[in-house]
Amino acid sequence: MTDLWQLRVQLLLSIQRALLGEVTPNIRVVTAQIDSSTITLRWLIDGEISENLRCDLSLVGTEVVADFAKHKIVEEFIRCDASHAMEEYFLDHVAYRRKE
């Protein structure tokens, strides 16, 4: 098993654990990527992105980065309503995708 594959599995499991109890109906997709120093989480949200939602989802990011001692977290919140295609916004890994 390669280190990169292991890191990917660890990242996806970490995100999915952190999402437990935090998924709201307006979250369309959570995608991620990781390199040697940074984890990027990209949230695609259906509708307006309130400051409260950003704060709540940032807690997920905090839980994820806590699992990776040498990494920093970058979070991107993108409004992508259900009428729009979302695949162009995907990062390397899809951790959550709602049924549409």
C-alpha atoms as a PDB file:
ATOM      1  CA  MET A   1       0.000   0.000   0.000  1.00  0.00           C
ATOM      2  CA  THR A   2       1.505   3.360  -1.016  1.00  0.00           C
ATOM      3  CA  ASP A   3       1.796   6.310   1.338  1.00  0.00           C
ATOM      4  CA  LEU A   4      -0.361   8.438  -0.971  1.00  0.00           C
ATOM      5  CA  TRP A   5      -3.117   5.830  -1.011  1.00  0.00           C
ATOM      6  CA  GLN A   6      -2.948   5.544   2.787  1.00  0.00           C
ATOM      7  CA  LEU A   7      -3.146   9.322   3.161  1.00  0.00           C
ATOM      8  CA  ARG A   8      -6.192   9.415   0.870  1.00  0.00           C
ATOM      9  CA  VAL A   9      -7.980   6.723   2.870  1.00  0.00           C
ATOM     10  CA  GLN A  10      -7.120   8.459   6.146  1.00  0.00           C
ATOM     11  CA  LEU A  11      -8.421  11.784   4.790  1.00  0.00           C
ATOM     12  CA  LEU A  12     -11.713  10.363   3.554  1.00  0.00           C
ATOM     13  CA  LEU A  13     -12.358   8.491   6.795  1.00  0.00           C
ATOM     14  CA  SER A  14     -11.533  11.600   8.806  1.00  0.00           C
ATOM     15  CA  ILE A  15     -13.943  13.751   6.788  1.00  0.00           C
ATOM     16  CA  GLN A  16     -16.726  11.193   6.966  1.00  0.00           C
ATOM     17  CA  ARG A  17     -16.305  10.864  10.734  1.00  0.00           C
ATOM     18  CA  ALA A  18     -16.330  14.641  11.166  1.00  0.00           C
ATOM     19  CA  LEU A  19     -19.495  14.920   9.038  1.00  0.00           C
ATOM     20  CA  LEU A  20     -21.519  12.664  11.348  1.00  0.00           C
ATOM     21  CA  GLY A  21     -24.438  14.722  12.617  1.00  0.00           C
ATOM     22  CA  GLU A  22     -23.359  17.803  10.636  1.00  0.00           C
ATOM     23  CA  VAL A  23     -24.847  17.186   7.168  1.00  0.00           C
ATOM     24  CA  THR A  24     -27.663  19.578   6.319  1.00  0.00           C
ATOM     25  CA  PRO A  25     -29.995  19.297   3.304  1.00  0.00           C
ATOM     26  CA  ASN A  26     -28.316  22.211   1.492  1.00  0.00           C
ATOM     27  CA  ILE A  27     -24.897  20.521   1.301  1.00  0.00           C
ATOM     28  CA  ARG A  28     -24.588  19.091  -2.214  1.00  0.00           C
ATOM     29  CA  VAL A  29     -20.994  17.859  -2.151  1.00  0.00           C
ATOM     30  CA  VAL A  30     -17.896  17.852   0.016  1.00  0.00           C
ATOM     31  CA  THR A  31     -14.696  17.353  -1.944  1.00  0.00           C
ATOM     32  CA  ALA A  32     -11.127  17.373  -0.724  1.00  0.00           C
ATOM     33  CA  GLN A  33      -7.497  17.185  -1.664  1.00  0.00           C
ATOM     34  CA  ILE A  34      -4.330  16.743   0.336  1.00  0.00           C
ATOM     35  CA  ASP A  35      -0.662  17.381  -0.282  1.00  0.00           C
ATOM     36  CA  SER A  36       2.372  17.334   1.988  1.00  0.00           C
ATOM     37  CA  SER A  37       1.270  20.365   4.025  1.00  0.00           C
ATOM     38  CA  THR A  38      -2.315  21.349   3.189  1.00  0.00           C
ATOM     39  CA  ILE A  39      -5.788  19.827   3.269  1.00  0.00           C
ATOM     40  CA  THR A  40      -8.377  21.599   1.156  1.00  0.00           C
ATOM     41  CA  LEU A  41     -12.075  21.033   1.813  1.00  0.00           C
ATOM     42  CA  ARG A  42     -14.480  22.414  -0.778  1.00  0.00           C
ATOM     43  CA  TRP A  43     -18.137  22.641   0.153  1.00  0.00           C
ATOM     44  CA  LEU A  44     -20.735  23.039  -2.610  1.00  0.00           C
ATOM     45  CA  ILE A  45     -23.861  24.530  -1.086  1.00  0.00           C
ATOM     46  CA  ASP A  46     -27.353  24.782  -2.562  1.00  0.00           C
ATOM     47  CA  GLY A  47     -28.591  28.289  -1.782  1.00  0.00           C
ATOM     48  CA  GLU A  48     -27.253  31.138   0.280  1.00  0.00           C
ATOM     49  CA  ILE A  49     -24.256  30.416   2.509  1.00  0.00           C
ATOM     50  CA  SER A  50     -24.942  32.037   5.865  1.00  0.00           C
ATOM     51  CA  GLU A  51     -22.249  32.920   8.362  1.00  0.00           C
ATOM     52  CA  ASN A  52     -23.797  30.397  10.786  1.00  0.00           C
ATOM     53  CA  LEU A  53     -23.460  27.625   8.199  1.00  0.00           C
ATOM     54  CA  ARG A  54     -19.823  28.580   7.551  1.00  0.00           C
ATOM     55  CA  CYS A  55     -19.096  28.421  11.278  1.00  0.00           C
ATOM     56  CA  ASP A  56     -20.815  25.053  11.662  1.00  0.00           C
ATOM     57  CA  LEU A  57     -18.978  23.539   8.694  1.00  0.00           C
ATOM     58  CA  SER A  58     -15.667  24.993   9.835  1.00  0.00           C
ATOM     59  CA  LEU A  59     -16.007  22.795  12.921  1.00  0.00           C
ATOM     60  CA  VAL A  60     -15.883  19.826  10.561  1.00  0.00           C
ATOM     61  CA  GLY A  61     -12.658  21.186   9.082  1.00  0.00           C
ATOM     62  CA  THR A  62     -11.200  21.637  12.561  1.00  0.00           C
ATOM     63  CA  GLU A  63     -11.934  18.008  13.405  1.00  0.00           C
ATOM     64  CA  VAL A  64     -10.349  16.851  10.155  1.00  0.00           C
ATOM     65  CA  VAL A  65      -7.136  18.841  10.508  1.00  0.00           C
ATOM     66  CA  ALA A  66      -6.778  17.618  14.101  1.00  0.00           C
ATOM     67  CA  ASP A  67      -6.157  14.161  12.611  1.00  0.00           C
ATOM     68  CA  PHE A  68      -3.186  15.472  10.586  1.00  0.00           C
ATOM     69  CA  ALA A  69      -0.500  17.002  12.791  1.00  0.00           C
ATOM     70  CA  LYS A  70       1.626  18.414   9.955  1.00  0.00           C
ATOM     71  CA  HIS A  71      -1.148  19.921   7.837  1.00  0.00           C
ATOM     72  CA  LYS A  72      -3.064  23.176   7.705  1.00  0.00           C
ATOM     73  CA  ILE A  73      -6.661  23.406   6.480  1.00  0.00           C
ATOM     74  CA  VAL A  74      -8.100  25.535   3.693  1.00  0.00           C
ATOM     75  CA  GLU A  75     -11.868  25.624   3.336  1.00  0.00           C
ATOM     76  CA  GLU A  76     -13.764  26.853   0.301  1.00  0.00           C
ATOM     77  CA  PHE A  77     -17.507  27.487   0.387  1.00  0.00           C
ATOM     78  CA  ILE A  78     -19.073  27.720  -3.064  1.00  0.00           C
ATOM     79  CA  ARG A  79     -22.697  28.404  -3.839  1.00  0.00           C
ATOM     80  CA  CYS A  80     -23.778  25.899  -6.464  1.00  0.00           C
ATOM     81  CA  ASP A  81     -27.543  25.677  -6.687  1.00  0.00           C
ATOM     82  CA  ALA A  82     -29.222  22.425  -7.678  1.00  0.00           C
ATOM     83  CA  SER A  83     -29.938  23.713 -11.175  1.00  0.00           C
ATOM     84  CA  HIS A  84     -26.176  23.981 -11.888  1.00  0.00           C
ATOM     85  CA  ALA A  85     -23.706  21.219 -12.720  1.00  0.00           C
ATOM     86  CA  MET A  86     -21.172  20.750  -9.950  1.00  0.00           C
ATOM     87  CA  GLU A  87     -18.516  18.426 -11.339  1.00  0.00           C
ATOM     88  CA  GLU A  88     -16.324  21.308 -12.501  1.00  0.00           C
ATOM     89  CA  TYR A  89     -15.780  22.241  -8.850  1.00  0.00           C
ATOM     90  CA  PHE A  90     -14.679  18.798  -7.680  1.00  0.00           C
ATOM     91  CA  LEU A  91     -11.262  18.343  -6.099  1.00  0.00           C
ATOM     92  CA  ASP A  92      -9.370  15.031  -6.071  1.00  0.00           C
ATOM     93  CA  HIS A  93     -11.636  13.171  -3.640  1.00  0.00           C
ATOM     94  CA  VAL A  94     -15.393  13.188  -3.027  1.00  0.00           C
ATOM     95  CA  ALA A  95     -16.186  12.588   0.645  1.00  0.00           C
ATOM     96  CA  TYR A  96     -19.925  13.257   0.515  1.00  0.00           C
ATOM     97  CA  ARG A  97     -22.466  13.711  -2.284  1.00  0.00           C
ATOM     98  CA  ARG A  98     -26.197  14.038  -1.795  1.00  0.00           C
ATOM     99  CA  LYS A  99     -28.654  12.208  -4.022  1.00  0.00           C
ATOM    100  CA  GLU A 100     -30.160  14.460  -6.672  1.00  0.00           C
END
